[in-house]
N, C-alpha and C. Protein backbone atom coordinates (compact mmCIF):
# COMPACT_ATOMS: atom_id res chain seq x y z
N UNK A 1 67.43 -184.25 -27.98
CA UNK A 1 66.55 -183.16 -28.36
C UNK A 1 66.22 -182.30 -27.17
N UNK A 2 66.29 -180.96 -27.43
CA UNK A 2 65.87 -180.05 -26.38
C UNK A 2 64.38 -179.94 -26.33
N UNK A 3 63.90 -179.65 -25.22
CA UNK A 3 62.42 -179.50 -25.16
C UNK A 3 62.01 -178.09 -25.69
N UNK A 4 60.76 -177.94 -25.97
CA UNK A 4 60.25 -176.74 -26.63
C UNK A 4 60.37 -175.55 -25.67
N UNK A 5 60.27 -175.73 -24.40
CA UNK A 5 60.33 -174.65 -23.43
C UNK A 5 61.75 -174.00 -23.45
N UNK A 6 62.74 -174.80 -23.60
CA UNK A 6 64.12 -174.27 -23.61
C UNK A 6 64.36 -173.47 -24.90
N UNK A 7 63.80 -173.95 -26.02
CA UNK A 7 63.95 -173.26 -27.26
C UNK A 7 63.17 -171.93 -27.25
N UNK A 8 61.97 -171.91 -26.66
CA UNK A 8 61.21 -170.67 -26.56
C UNK A 8 61.94 -169.66 -25.66
N UNK A 9 62.54 -170.13 -24.59
CA UNK A 9 63.26 -169.24 -23.70
C UNK A 9 64.48 -168.63 -24.44
N UNK A 10 65.20 -169.45 -25.19
CA UNK A 10 66.36 -168.93 -25.97
C UNK A 10 65.90 -167.94 -27.01
N UNK A 11 64.78 -168.18 -27.68
CA UNK A 11 64.21 -167.29 -28.69
C UNK A 11 63.85 -165.96 -28.05
N UNK A 12 63.18 -166.02 -26.89
CA UNK A 12 62.74 -164.76 -26.23
C UNK A 12 63.95 -164.00 -25.75
N UNK A 13 64.96 -164.66 -25.24
CA UNK A 13 66.16 -163.97 -24.81
C UNK A 13 66.84 -163.27 -25.99
N UNK A 14 66.95 -164.00 -27.13
CA UNK A 14 67.56 -163.40 -28.29
C UNK A 14 66.77 -162.23 -28.81
N UNK A 15 65.42 -162.34 -28.79
CA UNK A 15 64.55 -161.26 -29.25
C UNK A 15 64.70 -160.02 -28.35
N UNK A 16 64.66 -160.22 -27.07
CA UNK A 16 64.79 -159.07 -26.12
C UNK A 16 66.19 -158.44 -26.23
N UNK A 17 67.22 -159.25 -26.43
CA UNK A 17 68.56 -158.72 -26.55
C UNK A 17 68.64 -157.82 -27.82
N UNK A 18 68.13 -158.35 -28.92
CA UNK A 18 68.13 -157.59 -30.16
C UNK A 18 67.35 -156.29 -30.08
N UNK A 19 66.15 -156.37 -29.48
CA UNK A 19 65.35 -155.15 -29.38
C UNK A 19 65.99 -154.14 -28.45
N UNK A 20 66.67 -154.63 -27.40
CA UNK A 20 67.33 -153.71 -26.46
C UNK A 20 68.51 -153.01 -27.20
N UNK A 21 69.24 -153.75 -27.96
CA UNK A 21 70.38 -153.19 -28.67
C UNK A 21 69.90 -152.08 -29.67
N UNK A 22 68.82 -152.38 -30.38
CA UNK A 22 68.30 -151.40 -31.35
C UNK A 22 67.75 -150.21 -30.62
N UNK A 23 67.07 -150.37 -29.54
CA UNK A 23 66.53 -149.26 -28.75
C UNK A 23 67.65 -148.39 -28.22
N UNK A 24 68.67 -148.98 -27.69
CA UNK A 24 69.81 -148.18 -27.14
C UNK A 24 70.50 -147.43 -28.28
N UNK A 25 70.71 -148.10 -29.40
CA UNK A 25 71.38 -147.45 -30.56
C UNK A 25 70.56 -146.24 -31.03
N UNK A 26 69.24 -146.39 -31.18
CA UNK A 26 68.40 -145.32 -31.65
C UNK A 26 68.34 -144.16 -30.62
N UNK A 27 68.31 -144.50 -29.39
CA UNK A 27 68.33 -143.46 -28.36
C UNK A 27 69.61 -142.64 -28.41
N UNK A 28 70.73 -143.31 -28.52
CA UNK A 28 72.01 -142.62 -28.64
C UNK A 28 72.04 -141.75 -29.89
N UNK A 29 71.50 -142.27 -30.97
CA UNK A 29 71.46 -141.53 -32.24
C UNK A 29 70.62 -140.27 -32.11
N UNK A 30 69.50 -140.37 -31.45
CA UNK A 30 68.61 -139.18 -31.29
C UNK A 30 69.33 -138.11 -30.47
N UNK A 31 69.97 -138.52 -29.38
CA UNK A 31 70.68 -137.53 -28.54
C UNK A 31 71.88 -136.91 -29.27
N UNK A 32 72.57 -137.71 -30.06
CA UNK A 32 73.71 -137.17 -30.84
C UNK A 32 73.24 -136.17 -31.87
N UNK A 33 72.09 -136.42 -32.54
CA UNK A 33 71.60 -135.52 -33.52
C UNK A 33 71.17 -134.19 -32.83
N UNK A 34 70.53 -134.29 -31.66
CA UNK A 34 70.16 -133.09 -30.94
C UNK A 34 71.35 -132.32 -30.54
N UNK A 35 72.37 -132.98 -30.07
CA UNK A 35 73.62 -132.33 -29.66
C UNK A 35 74.29 -131.60 -30.85
N UNK A 36 74.31 -132.25 -31.98
CA UNK A 36 74.90 -131.66 -33.16
C UNK A 36 74.11 -130.45 -33.65
N UNK A 37 72.79 -130.52 -33.54
CA UNK A 37 71.95 -129.38 -34.00
C UNK A 37 72.18 -128.16 -33.09
N UNK A 38 72.60 -128.37 -31.83
CA UNK A 38 72.92 -127.22 -30.98
C UNK A 38 74.28 -126.71 -31.20
N UNK A 39 75.23 -127.59 -31.52
CA UNK A 39 76.64 -127.19 -31.70
C UNK A 39 76.92 -126.59 -33.05
N UNK A 40 76.35 -127.15 -34.07
CA UNK A 40 76.64 -126.67 -35.45
C UNK A 40 75.65 -125.52 -35.76
N UNK A 41 76.21 -124.38 -36.16
CA UNK A 41 75.30 -123.27 -36.47
C UNK A 41 74.47 -123.54 -37.73
N UNK A 42 73.30 -122.92 -37.76
CA UNK A 42 72.42 -123.12 -38.91
C UNK A 42 72.94 -122.24 -40.02
N UNK A 43 72.86 -122.81 -41.24
CA UNK A 43 73.33 -122.08 -42.43
C UNK A 43 72.26 -121.04 -42.78
N UNK A 44 72.71 -119.77 -42.90
CA UNK A 44 71.83 -118.68 -43.28
C UNK A 44 72.25 -118.25 -44.70
N UNK A 45 71.30 -118.31 -45.66
CA UNK A 45 71.71 -117.92 -47.02
C UNK A 45 71.97 -116.42 -47.07
N UNK A 46 72.93 -116.05 -47.90
CA UNK A 46 73.30 -114.64 -48.06
C UNK A 46 72.18 -113.95 -48.81
N UNK A 47 71.89 -112.70 -48.46
CA UNK A 47 70.83 -111.98 -49.20
C UNK A 47 71.28 -111.69 -50.61
N UNK A 48 70.35 -111.76 -51.49
CA UNK A 48 70.64 -111.54 -52.95
C UNK A 48 70.61 -110.05 -53.18
N UNK A 49 71.69 -109.55 -53.70
CA UNK A 49 71.76 -108.09 -53.99
C UNK A 49 71.14 -107.85 -55.37
N UNK A 50 70.30 -106.84 -55.41
CA UNK A 50 69.63 -106.48 -56.67
C UNK A 50 70.37 -105.31 -57.25
N UNK A 51 70.51 -105.29 -58.60
CA UNK A 51 71.21 -104.16 -59.22
C UNK A 51 70.38 -102.91 -59.11
N UNK A 52 71.05 -101.73 -59.10
CA UNK A 52 70.37 -100.46 -58.99
C UNK A 52 69.60 -100.18 -60.26
N UNK A 53 68.34 -99.80 -60.08
CA UNK A 53 67.51 -99.49 -61.26
C UNK A 53 67.22 -98.00 -61.22
N UNK A 54 67.49 -97.31 -62.35
CA UNK A 54 67.35 -95.90 -62.41
C UNK A 54 65.90 -95.43 -62.48
N UNK A 55 65.04 -96.17 -63.16
CA UNK A 55 63.65 -95.73 -63.22
C UNK A 55 62.78 -96.79 -62.53
N UNK A 56 61.78 -96.36 -61.80
CA UNK A 56 60.94 -97.28 -61.07
C UNK A 56 60.12 -98.17 -61.98
N UNK A 57 59.97 -99.40 -61.55
CA UNK A 57 59.21 -100.38 -62.34
C UNK A 57 57.71 -100.21 -61.97
N UNK A 58 56.88 -100.14 -63.02
CA UNK A 58 55.44 -99.96 -62.76
C UNK A 58 54.87 -101.30 -62.26
N UNK A 59 54.08 -101.19 -61.25
CA UNK A 59 53.43 -102.40 -60.68
C UNK A 59 52.48 -102.99 -61.66
N UNK A 60 52.38 -104.33 -61.71
CA UNK A 60 51.50 -104.98 -62.63
C UNK A 60 50.05 -104.81 -62.20
N UNK A 61 49.83 -104.48 -60.90
CA UNK A 61 48.44 -104.27 -60.43
C UNK A 61 47.87 -102.95 -60.93
N UNK A 62 48.74 -101.96 -61.15
CA UNK A 62 48.30 -100.61 -61.61
C UNK A 62 48.32 -100.61 -63.15
N UNK A 63 47.17 -100.74 -63.78
CA UNK A 63 47.09 -100.71 -65.22
C UNK A 63 46.76 -99.27 -65.68
N UNK A 64 47.40 -98.86 -66.75
CA UNK A 64 47.27 -97.54 -67.29
C UNK A 64 45.77 -97.34 -67.73
N UNK A 65 45.22 -96.16 -67.46
CA UNK A 65 43.85 -95.90 -67.93
C UNK A 65 43.73 -95.97 -69.46
N UNK A 66 44.79 -95.67 -70.18
CA UNK A 66 44.71 -95.76 -71.65
C UNK A 66 44.60 -97.18 -72.08
N UNK A 67 45.22 -98.11 -71.36
CA UNK A 67 45.15 -99.54 -71.71
C UNK A 67 43.75 -100.03 -71.42
N UNK A 68 43.17 -99.61 -70.31
CA UNK A 68 41.80 -100.03 -69.98
C UNK A 68 40.80 -99.51 -71.01
N UNK A 69 41.02 -98.29 -71.47
CA UNK A 69 40.10 -97.71 -72.48
C UNK A 69 40.26 -98.47 -73.80
N UNK A 70 41.49 -98.82 -74.18
CA UNK A 70 41.68 -99.56 -75.43
C UNK A 70 41.05 -100.97 -75.36
N UNK A 71 41.20 -101.64 -74.27
CA UNK A 71 40.60 -102.97 -74.12
C UNK A 71 39.06 -102.86 -74.11
N UNK A 72 38.53 -101.84 -73.43
CA UNK A 72 37.08 -101.67 -73.40
C UNK A 72 36.55 -101.40 -74.78
N UNK A 73 37.23 -100.56 -75.54
CA UNK A 73 36.80 -100.26 -76.92
C UNK A 73 36.85 -101.49 -77.78
N UNK A 74 37.87 -102.30 -77.65
CA UNK A 74 37.99 -103.46 -78.46
C UNK A 74 36.91 -104.48 -78.13
N UNK A 75 36.58 -104.63 -76.83
CA UNK A 75 35.53 -105.56 -76.43
C UNK A 75 34.18 -105.09 -76.97
N UNK A 76 33.93 -103.78 -76.84
CA UNK A 76 32.68 -103.23 -77.33
C UNK A 76 32.56 -103.42 -78.85
N UNK A 77 33.62 -103.19 -79.58
CA UNK A 77 33.58 -103.35 -81.04
C UNK A 77 33.37 -104.79 -81.38
N UNK A 78 33.97 -105.72 -80.66
CA UNK A 78 33.76 -107.16 -80.94
C UNK A 78 32.33 -107.56 -80.69
N UNK A 79 31.76 -107.10 -79.58
CA UNK A 79 30.41 -107.48 -79.26
C UNK A 79 29.40 -106.91 -80.24
N UNK A 80 29.59 -105.68 -80.70
CA UNK A 80 28.70 -105.12 -81.69
C UNK A 80 28.78 -105.76 -83.05
N UNK A 81 29.97 -106.17 -83.43
CA UNK A 81 30.14 -106.84 -84.76
C UNK A 81 29.68 -108.27 -84.67
N UNK A 82 29.80 -108.95 -83.53
CA UNK A 82 29.35 -110.33 -83.42
C UNK A 82 27.85 -110.40 -83.29
N UNK A 83 27.18 -109.37 -82.85
CA UNK A 83 25.73 -109.40 -82.70
C UNK A 83 25.03 -109.25 -84.04
N UNK A 84 25.66 -108.75 -85.07
CA UNK A 84 25.01 -108.53 -86.38
C UNK A 84 24.92 -109.80 -87.15
């Protein structure tokens, strides 16, 4: 039977070897990814071409005064009929 000190030394050696291998692998991986990000150009999406429109589109923020008047009249009529 081996003594416990020898087994602990073997376990620590195995642990340090494994951690070192993982650390070296991850370090190499990080540097390779950085190198590839510099070498490979970034993909730029092509601009979407819009078809030519002959008449300008009215902005949704600009509401016609006629529409505002119609809505105001409808609200006023609703309020006066609901109050009776």
